[in-house]
Amino acid sequence: PLMFYVIAAIRDVTGVGPFALARF
């Protein structure tokens, strides 16, 4: 689960969308 918690935290804090996160 580690990176899914990281994904959750990044998206929660920054509001970045799924495509932008997966691209950058």
mmCIF file of all heavy atoms, coordinates in Angstrom:
data_MODEL
# 
_entry.id   MODEL 
# 
loop_
_atom_site.group_PDB 
_atom_site.id 
_atom_site.type_symbol 
_atom_site.label_atom_id 
_atom_site.label_alt_id 
_atom_site.label_comp_id 
_atom_site.label_asym_id 
_atom_site.label_entity_id 
_atom_site.label_seq_id 
_atom_site.pdbx_PDB_ins_code 
_atom_site.Cartn_x 
_atom_site.Cartn_y 
_atom_site.Cartn_z 
_atom_site.occupancy 
_atom_site.B_iso_or_equiv 
_atom_site.pdbx_formal_charge 
_atom_site.auth_seq_id 
_atom_site.auth_comp_id 
_atom_site.auth_asym_id 
_atom_site.auth_atom_id 
_atom_site.pdbx_PDB_model_num 
ATOM 1   N N   . PRO A 1 1  ? 0.762  -1.252 0.000   1.00 0.00 ? 1  PRO A N   1 
ATOM 2   C CA  . PRO A 1 1  ? 0.000  0.000  0.000   1.00 0.00 ? 1  PRO A CA  1 
ATOM 3   C C   . PRO A 1 1  ? 0.791  1.298  0.000   1.00 0.00 ? 1  PRO A C   1 
ATOM 4   O O   . PRO A 1 1  ? 0.192  2.371  -0.120  1.00 0.00 ? 1  PRO A O   1 
ATOM 5   C CB  . PRO A 1 1  ? -0.783 -0.113 1.308   1.00 0.00 ? 1  PRO A CB  1 
ATOM 6   C CG  . PRO A 1 1  ? 0.177  -0.825 2.231   1.00 0.00 ? 1  PRO A CG  1 
ATOM 7   C CD  . PRO A 1 1  ? 0.932  -1.797 1.358   1.00 0.00 ? 1  PRO A CD  1 
ATOM 8   N N   . LEU A 1 2  ? 2.098  1.259  0.163   1.00 0.00 ? 2  LEU A N   1 
ATOM 9   C CA  . LEU A 1 2  ? 2.837  2.489  0.458   1.00 0.00 ? 2  LEU A CA  1 
ATOM 10  C C   . LEU A 1 2  ? 2.570  3.589  -0.560  1.00 0.00 ? 2  LEU A C   1 
ATOM 11  O O   . LEU A 1 2  ? 2.202  4.717  -0.198  1.00 0.00 ? 2  LEU A O   1 
ATOM 12  C CB  . LEU A 1 2  ? 4.335  2.190  0.536   1.00 0.00 ? 2  LEU A CB  1 
ATOM 13  C CG  . LEU A 1 2  ? 5.248  3.403  0.765   1.00 0.00 ? 2  LEU A CG  1 
ATOM 14  C CD1 . LEU A 1 2  ? 4.900  4.102  2.072   1.00 0.00 ? 2  LEU A CD1 1 
ATOM 15  C CD2 . LEU A 1 2  ? 6.724  2.982  0.752   1.00 0.00 ? 2  LEU A CD2 1 
ATOM 16  N N   . MET A 1 3  ? 2.753  3.294  -1.837  1.00 0.00 ? 3  MET A N   1 
ATOM 17  C CA  . MET A 1 3  ? 2.649  4.356  -2.832  1.00 0.00 ? 3  MET A CA  1 
ATOM 18  C C   . MET A 1 3  ? 1.212  4.823  -3.044  1.00 0.00 ? 3  MET A C   1 
ATOM 19  O O   . MET A 1 3  ? 0.987  5.961  -3.465  1.00 0.00 ? 3  MET A O   1 
ATOM 20  C CB  . MET A 1 3  ? 3.265  3.911  -4.152  1.00 0.00 ? 3  MET A CB  1 
ATOM 21  C CG  . MET A 1 3  ? 4.775  3.802  -4.121  1.00 0.00 ? 3  MET A CG  1 
ATOM 22  S SD  . MET A 1 3  ? 5.610  5.234  -3.366  1.00 0.00 ? 3  MET A SD  1 
ATOM 23  C CE  . MET A 1 3  ? 5.069  6.567  -4.431  1.00 0.00 ? 3  MET A CE  1 
ATOM 24  N N   . PHE A 1 4  ? 0.243  3.988  -2.713  1.00 0.00 ? 4  PHE A N   1 
ATOM 25  C CA  . PHE A 1 4  ? -1.143 4.433  -2.836  1.00 0.00 ? 4  PHE A CA  1 
ATOM 26  C C   . PHE A 1 4  ? -1.481 5.439  -1.741  1.00 0.00 ? 4  PHE A C   1 
ATOM 27  O O   . PHE A 1 4  ? -2.282 6.353  -1.950  1.00 0.00 ? 4  PHE A O   1 
ATOM 28  C CB  . PHE A 1 4  ? -2.085 3.232  -2.817  1.00 0.00 ? 4  PHE A CB  1 
ATOM 29  C CG  . PHE A 1 4  ? -1.706 2.201  -3.839  1.00 0.00 ? 4  PHE A CG  1 
ATOM 30  C CD1 . PHE A 1 4  ? -1.439 0.893  -3.466  1.00 0.00 ? 4  PHE A CD1 1 
ATOM 31  C CD2 . PHE A 1 4  ? -1.551 2.547  -5.170  1.00 0.00 ? 4  PHE A CD2 1 
ATOM 32  C CE1 . PHE A 1 4  ? -1.057 -0.046 -4.403  1.00 0.00 ? 4  PHE A CE1 1 
ATOM 33  C CE2 . PHE A 1 4  ? -1.165 1.617  -6.110  1.00 0.00 ? 4  PHE A CE2 1 
ATOM 34  C CZ  . PHE A 1 4  ? -0.914 0.317  -5.734  1.00 0.00 ? 4  PHE A CZ  1 
ATOM 35  N N   . TYR A 1 5  ? -0.846 5.281  -0.591  1.00 0.00 ? 5  TYR A N   1 
ATOM 36  C CA  . TYR A 1 5  ? -0.988 6.303  0.451   1.00 0.00 ? 5  TYR A CA  1 
ATOM 37  C C   . TYR A 1 5  ? -0.267 7.587  0.035   1.00 0.00 ? 5  TYR A C   1 
ATOM 38  O O   . TYR A 1 5  ? -0.745 8.695  0.311   1.00 0.00 ? 5  TYR A O   1 
ATOM 39  C CB  . TYR A 1 5  ? -0.448 5.782  1.784   1.00 0.00 ? 5  TYR A CB  1 
ATOM 40  C CG  . TYR A 1 5  ? -1.480 4.992  2.554   1.00 0.00 ? 5  TYR A CG  1 
ATOM 41  C CD1 . TYR A 1 5  ? -1.659 3.636  2.317   1.00 0.00 ? 5  TYR A CD1 1 
ATOM 42  C CD2 . TYR A 1 5  ? -2.293 5.614  3.493   1.00 0.00 ? 5  TYR A CD2 1 
ATOM 43  C CE1 . TYR A 1 5  ? -2.619 2.912  3.003   1.00 0.00 ? 5  TYR A CE1 1 
ATOM 44  C CE2 . TYR A 1 5  ? -3.257 4.907  4.193   1.00 0.00 ? 5  TYR A CE2 1 
ATOM 45  C CZ  . TYR A 1 5  ? -3.418 3.550  3.939   1.00 0.00 ? 5  TYR A CZ  1 
ATOM 46  O OH  . TYR A 1 5  ? -4.380 2.845  4.615   1.00 0.00 ? 5  TYR A OH  1 
ATOM 47  N N   . VAL A 1 6  ? 0.867  7.447  -0.638  1.00 0.00 ? 6  VAL A N   1 
ATOM 48  C CA  . VAL A 1 6  ? 1.569  8.628  -1.156  1.00 0.00 ? 6  VAL A CA  1 
ATOM 49  C C   . VAL A 1 6  ? 0.708  9.327  -2.200  1.00 0.00 ? 6  VAL A C   1 
ATOM 50  O O   . VAL A 1 6  ? 0.573  10.567 -2.194  1.00 0.00 ? 6  VAL A O   1 
ATOM 51  C CB  . VAL A 1 6  ? 2.937  8.232  -1.741  1.00 0.00 ? 6  VAL A CB  1 
ATOM 52  C CG1 . VAL A 1 6  ? 3.579  9.418  -2.459  1.00 0.00 ? 6  VAL A CG1 1 
ATOM 53  C CG2 . VAL A 1 6  ? 3.858  7.707  -0.646  1.00 0.00 ? 6  VAL A CG2 1 
ATOM 54  N N   . ILE A 1 7  ? 0.107  8.547  -3.104  1.00 0.00 ? 7  ILE A N   1 
ATOM 55  C CA  . ILE A 1 7  ? -0.787 9.124  -4.115  1.00 0.00 ? 7  ILE A CA  1 
ATOM 56  C C   . ILE A 1 7  ? -1.947 9.852  -3.444  1.00 0.00 ? 7  ILE A C   1 
ATOM 57  O O   . ILE A 1 7  ? -2.301 10.979 -3.824  1.00 0.00 ? 7  ILE A O   1 
ATOM 58  C CB  . ILE A 1 7  ? -1.306 8.021  -5.052  1.00 0.00 ? 7  ILE A CB  1 
ATOM 59  C CG1 . ILE A 1 7  ? -0.174 7.498  -5.952  1.00 0.00 ? 7  ILE A CG1 1 
ATOM 60  C CG2 . ILE A 1 7  ? -2.467 8.530  -5.915  1.00 0.00 ? 7  ILE A CG2 1 
ATOM 61  C CD1 . ILE A 1 7  ? -0.525 6.238  -6.720  1.00 0.00 ? 7  ILE A CD1 1 
ATOM 62  N N   . ALA A 1 8  ? -2.546 9.218  -2.442  1.00 0.00 ? 8  ALA A N   1 
ATOM 63  C CA  . ALA A 1 8  ? -3.668 9.838  -1.727  1.00 0.00 ? 8  ALA A CA  1 
ATOM 64  C C   . ALA A 1 8  ? -3.247 11.162 -1.103  1.00 0.00 ? 8  ALA A C   1 
ATOM 65  O O   . ALA A 1 8  ? -3.967 12.174 -1.220  1.00 0.00 ? 8  ALA A O   1 
ATOM 66  C CB  . ALA A 1 8  ? -4.184 8.882  -0.659  1.00 0.00 ? 8  ALA A CB  1 
ATOM 67  N N   . ALA A 1 9  ? -2.088 11.176 -0.459  1.00 0.00 ? 9  ALA A N   1 
ATOM 68  C CA  . ALA A 1 9  ? -1.628 12.387 0.221   1.00 0.00 ? 9  ALA A CA  1 
ATOM 69  C C   . ALA A 1 9  ? -1.318 13.497 -0.780  1.00 0.00 ? 9  ALA A C   1 
ATOM 70  O O   . ALA A 1 9  ? -1.701 14.659 -0.579  1.00 0.00 ? 9  ALA A O   1 
ATOM 71  C CB  . ALA A 1 9  ? -0.400 12.071 1.068   1.00 0.00 ? 9  ALA A CB  1 
ATOM 72  N N   . ILE A 1 10 ? -0.628 13.153 -1.881  1.00 0.00 ? 10 ILE A N   1 
ATOM 73  C CA  . ILE A 1 10 ? -0.283 14.170 -2.879  1.00 0.00 ? 10 ILE A CA  1 
ATOM 74  C C   . ILE A 1 10 ? -1.539 14.785 -3.472  1.00 0.00 ? 10 ILE A C   1 
ATOM 75  O O   . ILE A 1 10 ? -1.668 16.014 -3.584  1.00 0.00 ? 10 ILE A O   1 
ATOM 76  C CB  . ILE A 1 10 ? 0.601  13.564 -3.980  1.00 0.00 ? 10 ILE A CB  1 
ATOM 77  C CG1 . ILE A 1 10 ? 1.985  13.196 -3.436  1.00 0.00 ? 10 ILE A CG1 1 
ATOM 78  C CG2 . ILE A 1 10 ? 0.741  14.538 -5.151  1.00 0.00 ? 10 ILE A CG2 1 
ATOM 79  C CD1 . ILE A 1 10 ? 2.869  12.474 -4.437  1.00 0.00 ? 10 ILE A CD1 1 
ATOM 80  N N   . ARG A 1 11 ? -2.491 13.939 -3.840  1.00 0.00 ? 11 ARG A N   1 
ATOM 81  C CA  . ARG A 1 11 ? -3.704 14.450 -4.468  1.00 0.00 ? 11 ARG A CA  1 
ATOM 82  C C   . ARG A 1 11 ? -4.554 15.220 -3.471  1.00 0.00 ? 11 ARG A C   1 
ATOM 83  O O   . ARG A 1 11 ? -5.208 16.202 -3.823  1.00 0.00 ? 11 ARG A O   1 
ATOM 84  C CB  . ARG A 1 11 ? -4.481 13.305 -5.109  1.00 0.00 ? 11 ARG A CB  1 
ATOM 85  C CG  . ARG A 1 11 ? -3.734 12.647 -6.271  1.00 0.00 ? 11 ARG A CG  1 
ATOM 86  C CD  . ARG A 1 11 ? -4.638 11.791 -7.109  1.00 0.00 ? 11 ARG A CD  1 
ATOM 87  N NE  . ARG A 1 11 ? -5.732 12.565 -7.657  1.00 0.00 ? 11 ARG A NE  1 
ATOM 88  C CZ  . ARG A 1 11 ? -6.773 12.036 -8.307  1.00 0.00 ? 11 ARG A CZ  1 
ATOM 89  N NH1 . ARG A 1 11 ? -6.832 10.739 -8.481  1.00 0.00 ? 11 ARG A NH1 1 
ATOM 90  N NH2 . ARG A 1 11 ? -7.724 12.795 -8.785  1.00 0.00 ? 11 ARG A NH2 1 
ATOM 91  N N   . ASP A 1 12 ? -4.561 14.761 -2.227  1.00 0.00 ? 12 ASP A N   1 
ATOM 92  C CA  . ASP A 1 12 ? -5.315 15.450 -1.185  1.00 0.00 ? 12 ASP A CA  1 
ATOM 93  C C   . ASP A 1 12 ? -4.773 16.850 -0.928  1.00 0.00 ? 12 ASP A C   1 
ATOM 94  O O   . ASP A 1 12 ? -5.524 17.816 -0.811  1.00 0.00 ? 12 ASP A O   1 
ATOM 95  C CB  . ASP A 1 12 ? -5.243 14.634 0.107   1.00 0.00 ? 12 ASP A CB  1 
ATOM 96  C CG  . ASP A 1 12 ? -6.614 14.384 0.709   1.00 0.00 ? 12 ASP A CG  1 
ATOM 97  O OD1 . ASP A 1 12 ? -7.613 14.776 0.093   1.00 0.00 ? 12 ASP A OD1 1 
ATOM 98  O OD2 . ASP A 1 12 ? -6.680 13.795 1.809   1.00 0.00 ? 12 ASP A OD2 1 
ATOM 99  N N   . VAL A 1 13 ? -3.457 16.951 -0.854  1.00 0.00 ? 13 VAL A N   1 
ATOM 100 C CA  . VAL A 1 13 ? -2.822 18.217 -0.490  1.00 0.00 ? 13 VAL A CA  1 
ATOM 101 C C   . VAL A 1 13 ? -2.756 19.180 -1.664  1.00 0.00 ? 13 VAL A C   1 
ATOM 102 O O   . VAL A 1 13 ? -3.010 20.384 -1.517  1.00 0.00 ? 13 VAL A O   1 
ATOM 103 C CB  . VAL A 1 13 ? -1.403 17.951 0.065   1.00 0.00 ? 13 VAL A CB  1 
ATOM 104 C CG1 . VAL A 1 13 ? -0.642 19.249 0.248   1.00 0.00 ? 13 VAL A CG1 1 
ATOM 105 C CG2 . VAL A 1 13 ? -1.479 17.184 1.379   1.00 0.00 ? 13 VAL A CG2 1 
ATOM 106 N N   . THR A 1 14 ? -2.434 18.670 -2.852  1.00 0.00 ? 14 THR A N   1 
ATOM 107 C CA  . THR A 1 14 ? -2.193 19.549 -4.003  1.00 0.00 ? 14 THR A CA  1 
ATOM 108 C C   . THR A 1 14 ? -3.398 19.708 -4.915  1.00 0.00 ? 14 THR A C   1 
ATOM 109 O O   . THR A 1 14 ? -3.470 20.679 -5.673  1.00 0.00 ? 14 THR A O   1 
ATOM 110 C CB  . THR A 1 14 ? -1.025 19.018 -4.842  1.00 0.00 ? 14 THR A CB  1 
ATOM 111 O OG1 . THR A 1 14 ? -1.398 17.767 -5.448  1.00 0.00 ? 14 THR A OG1 1 
ATOM 112 C CG2 . THR A 1 14 ? 0.211  18.804 -3.984  1.00 0.00 ? 14 THR A CG2 1 
ATOM 113 N N   . GLY A 1 15 ? -4.317 18.738 -4.890  1.00 0.00 ? 15 GLY A N   1 
ATOM 114 C CA  . GLY A 1 15 ? -5.436 18.777 -5.816  1.00 0.00 ? 15 GLY A CA  1 
ATOM 115 C C   . GLY A 1 15 ? -5.074 18.401 -7.237  1.00 0.00 ? 15 GLY A C   1 
ATOM 116 O O   . GLY A 1 15 ? -5.876 18.585 -8.156  1.00 0.00 ? 15 GLY A O   1 
ATOM 117 N N   . VAL A 1 16 ? -3.869 17.867 -7.453  1.00 0.00 ? 16 VAL A N   1 
ATOM 118 C CA  . VAL A 1 16 ? -3.440 17.485 -8.795  1.00 0.00 ? 16 VAL A CA  1 
ATOM 119 C C   . VAL A 1 16 ? -4.315 16.350 -9.322  1.00 0.00 ? 16 VAL A C   1 
ATOM 120 O O   . VAL A 1 16 ? -4.768 15.488 -8.561  1.00 0.00 ? 16 VAL A O   1 
ATOM 121 C CB  . VAL A 1 16 ? -1.945 17.076 -8.779  1.00 0.00 ? 16 VAL A CB  1 
ATOM 122 C CG1 . VAL A 1 16 ? -1.740 15.798 -7.974  1.00 0.00 ? 16 VAL A CG1 1 
ATOM 123 C CG2 . VAL A 1 16 ? -1.408 16.896 -10.182 1.00 0.00 ? 16 VAL A CG2 1 
ATOM 124 N N   . GLY A 1 17 ? -4.576 16.350 -10.620 1.00 0.00 ? 17 GLY A N   1 
ATOM 125 C CA  . GLY A 1 17 ? -5.417 15.332 -11.228 1.00 0.00 ? 17 GLY A CA  1 
ATOM 126 C C   . GLY A 1 17 ? -4.663 14.049 -11.506 1.00 0.00 ? 17 GLY A C   1 
ATOM 127 O O   . GLY A 1 17 ? -3.426 14.008 -11.460 1.00 0.00 ? 17 GLY A O   1 
ATOM 128 N N   . PRO A 1 18 ? -5.386 12.980 -11.826 1.00 0.00 ? 18 PRO A N   1 
ATOM 129 C CA  . PRO A 1 18 ? -4.738 11.677 -12.029 1.00 0.00 ? 18 PRO A CA  1 
ATOM 130 C C   . PRO A 1 18 ? -3.775 11.649 -13.203 1.00 0.00 ? 18 PRO A C   1 
ATOM 131 O O   . PRO A 1 18 ? -2.715 11.021 -13.113 1.00 0.00 ? 18 PRO A O   1 
ATOM 132 C CB  . PRO A 1 18 ? -5.919 10.724 -12.249 1.00 0.00 ? 18 PRO A CB  1 
ATOM 133 C CG  . PRO A 1 18 ? -7.067 11.598 -12.674 1.00 0.00 ? 18 PRO A CG  1 
ATOM 134 C CD  . PRO A 1 18 ? -6.850 12.889 -11.965 1.00 0.00 ? 18 PRO A CD  1 
ATOM 135 N N   . PHE A 1 19 ? -4.120 12.300 -14.300 1.00 0.00 ? 19 PHE A N   1 
ATOM 136 C CA  . PHE A 1 19 ? -3.234 12.272 -15.464 1.00 0.00 ? 19 PHE A CA  1 
ATOM 137 C C   . PHE A 1 19 ? -1.949 13.062 -15.209 1.00 0.00 ? 19 PHE A C   1 
ATOM 138 O O   . PHE A 1 19 ? -0.862 12.631 -15.590 1.00 0.00 ? 19 PHE A O   1 
ATOM 139 C CB  . PHE A 1 19 ? -3.955 12.817 -16.706 1.00 0.00 ? 19 PHE A CB  1 
ATOM 140 C CG  . PHE A 1 19 ? -5.072 11.950 -17.176 1.00 0.00 ? 19 PHE A CG  1 
ATOM 141 C CD1 . PHE A 1 19 ? -6.382 12.404 -17.165 1.00 0.00 ? 19 PHE A CD1 1 
ATOM 142 C CD2 . PHE A 1 19 ? -4.838 10.660 -17.638 1.00 0.00 ? 19 PHE A CD2 1 
ATOM 143 C CE1 . PHE A 1 19 ? -7.427 11.604 -17.591 1.00 0.00 ? 19 PHE A CE1 1 
ATOM 144 C CE2 . PHE A 1 19 ? -5.870 9.848  -18.068 1.00 0.00 ? 19 PHE A CE2 1 
ATOM 145 C CZ  . PHE A 1 19 ? -7.177 10.328 -18.043 1.00 0.00 ? 19 PHE A CZ  1 
ATOM 146 N N   . ALA A 1 20 ? -2.085 14.228 -14.582 1.00 0.00 ? 20 ALA A N   1 
ATOM 147 C CA  . ALA A 1 20 ? -0.895 15.044 -14.305 1.00 0.00 ? 20 ALA A CA  1 
ATOM 148 C C   . ALA A 1 20 ? 0.038  14.309 -13.343 1.00 0.00 ? 20 ALA A C   1 
ATOM 149 O O   . ALA A 1 20 ? 1.264  14.294 -13.538 1.00 0.00 ? 20 ALA A O   1 
ATOM 150 C CB  . ALA A 1 20 ? -1.308 16.396 -13.728 1.00 0.00 ? 20 ALA A CB  1 
ATOM 151 N N   . LEU A 1 21 ? -0.515 13.687 -12.316 1.00 0.00 ? 21 LEU A N   1 
ATOM 152 C CA  . LEU A 1 21 ? 0.317  12.969 -11.359 1.00 0.00 ? 21 LEU A CA  1 
ATOM 153 C C   . LEU A 1 21 ? 1.051  11.819 -12.042 1.00 0.00 ? 21 LEU A C   1 
ATOM 154 O O   . LEU A 1 21 ? 2.256  11.629 -11.848 1.00 0.00 ? 21 LEU A O   1 
ATOM 155 C CB  . LEU A 1 21 ? -0.545 12.430 -10.215 1.00 0.00 ? 21 LEU A CB  1 
ATOM 156 C CG  . LEU A 1 21 ? 0.205  11.673 -9.116  1.00 0.00 ? 21 LEU A CG  1 
ATOM 157 C CD1 . LEU A 1 21 ? 1.193  12.592 -8.406  1.00 0.00 ? 21 LEU A CD1 1 
ATOM 158 C CD2 . LEU A 1 21 ? -0.775 11.060 -8.118  1.00 0.00 ? 21 LEU A CD2 1 
ATOM 159 N N   . ALA A 1 22 ? 0.321  11.056 -12.862 1.00 0.00 ? 22 ALA A N   1 
ATOM 160 C CA  . ALA A 1 22 ? 0.933  9.904  -13.532 1.00 0.00 ? 22 ALA A CA  1 
ATOM 161 C C   . ALA A 1 22 ? 1.924  10.324 -14.606 1.00 0.00 ? 22 ALA A C   1 
ATOM 162 O O   . ALA A 1 22 ? 2.820  9.553  -14.962 1.00 0.00 ? 22 ALA A O   1 
ATOM 163 C CB  . ALA A 1 22 ? -0.154 9.032  -14.157 1.00 0.00 ? 22 ALA A CB  1 
ATOM 164 N N   . ARG A 1 23 ? 1.794  11.540 -15.105 1.00 0.00 ? 23 ARG A N   1 
ATOM 165 C CA  . ARG A 1 23 ? 2.710  12.016 -16.148 1.00 0.00 ? 23 ARG A CA  1 
ATOM 166 C C   . ARG A 1 23 ? 3.991  12.598 -15.555 1.00 0.00 ? 23 ARG A C   1 
ATOM 167 O O   . ARG A 1 23 ? 5.084  12.377 -16.086 1.00 0.00 ? 23 ARG A O   1 
ATOM 168 C CB  . ARG A 1 23 ? 2.003  13.073 -17.001 1.00 0.00 ? 23 ARG A CB  1 
ATOM 169 C CG  . ARG A 1 23 ? 2.831  13.634 -18.148 1.00 0.00 ? 23 ARG A CG  1 
ATOM 170 C CD  . ARG A 1 23 ? 1.967  14.424 -19.106 1.00 0.00 ? 23 ARG A CD  1 
ATOM 171 N NE  . ARG A 1 23 ? 2.764  15.091 -20.128 1.00 0.00 ? 23 ARG A NE  1 
ATOM 172 C CZ  . ARG A 1 23 ? 2.901  16.413 -20.228 1.00 0.00 ? 23 ARG A CZ  1 
ATOM 173 N NH1 . ARG A 1 23 ? 2.293  17.217 -19.372 1.00 0.00 ? 23 ARG A NH1 1 
ATOM 174 N NH2 . ARG A 1 23 ? 3.645  16.940 -21.194 1.00 0.00 ? 23 ARG A NH2 1 
ATOM 175 N N   . PHE A 1 24 ? 3.891  13.311 -14.440 1.00 0.00 ? 24 PHE A N   1 
ATOM 176 C CA  . PHE A 1 24 ? 5.047  14.045 -13.914 1.00 0.00 ? 24 PHE A CA  1 
ATOM 177 C C   . PHE A 1 24 ? 5.814  13.304 -12.814 1.00 0.00 ? 24 PHE A C   1 
ATOM 178 O O   . PHE A 1 24 ? 7.040  13.387 -12.755 1.00 0.00 ? 24 PHE A O   1 
ATOM 179 C CB  . PHE A 1 24 ? 4.603  15.413 -13.383 1.00 0.00 ? 24 PHE A CB  1 
ATOM 180 C CG  . PHE A 1 24 ? 4.262  16.399 -14.465 1.00 0.00 ? 24 PHE A CG  1 
ATOM 181 C CD1 . PHE A 1 24 ? 2.941  16.603 -14.843 1.00 0.00 ? 24 PHE A CD1 1 
ATOM 182 C CD2 . PHE A 1 24 ? 5.253  17.106 -15.126 1.00 0.00 ? 24 PHE A CD2 1 
ATOM 183 C CE1 . PHE A 1 24 ? 2.618  17.496 -15.850 1.00 0.00 ? 24 PHE A CE1 1 
ATOM 184 C CE2 . PHE A 1 24 ? 4.942  18.000 -16.136 1.00 0.00 ? 24 PHE A CE2 1 
ATOM 185 C CZ  . PHE A 1 24 ? 3.616  18.194 -16.498 1.00 0.00 ? 24 PHE A CZ  1 
# 
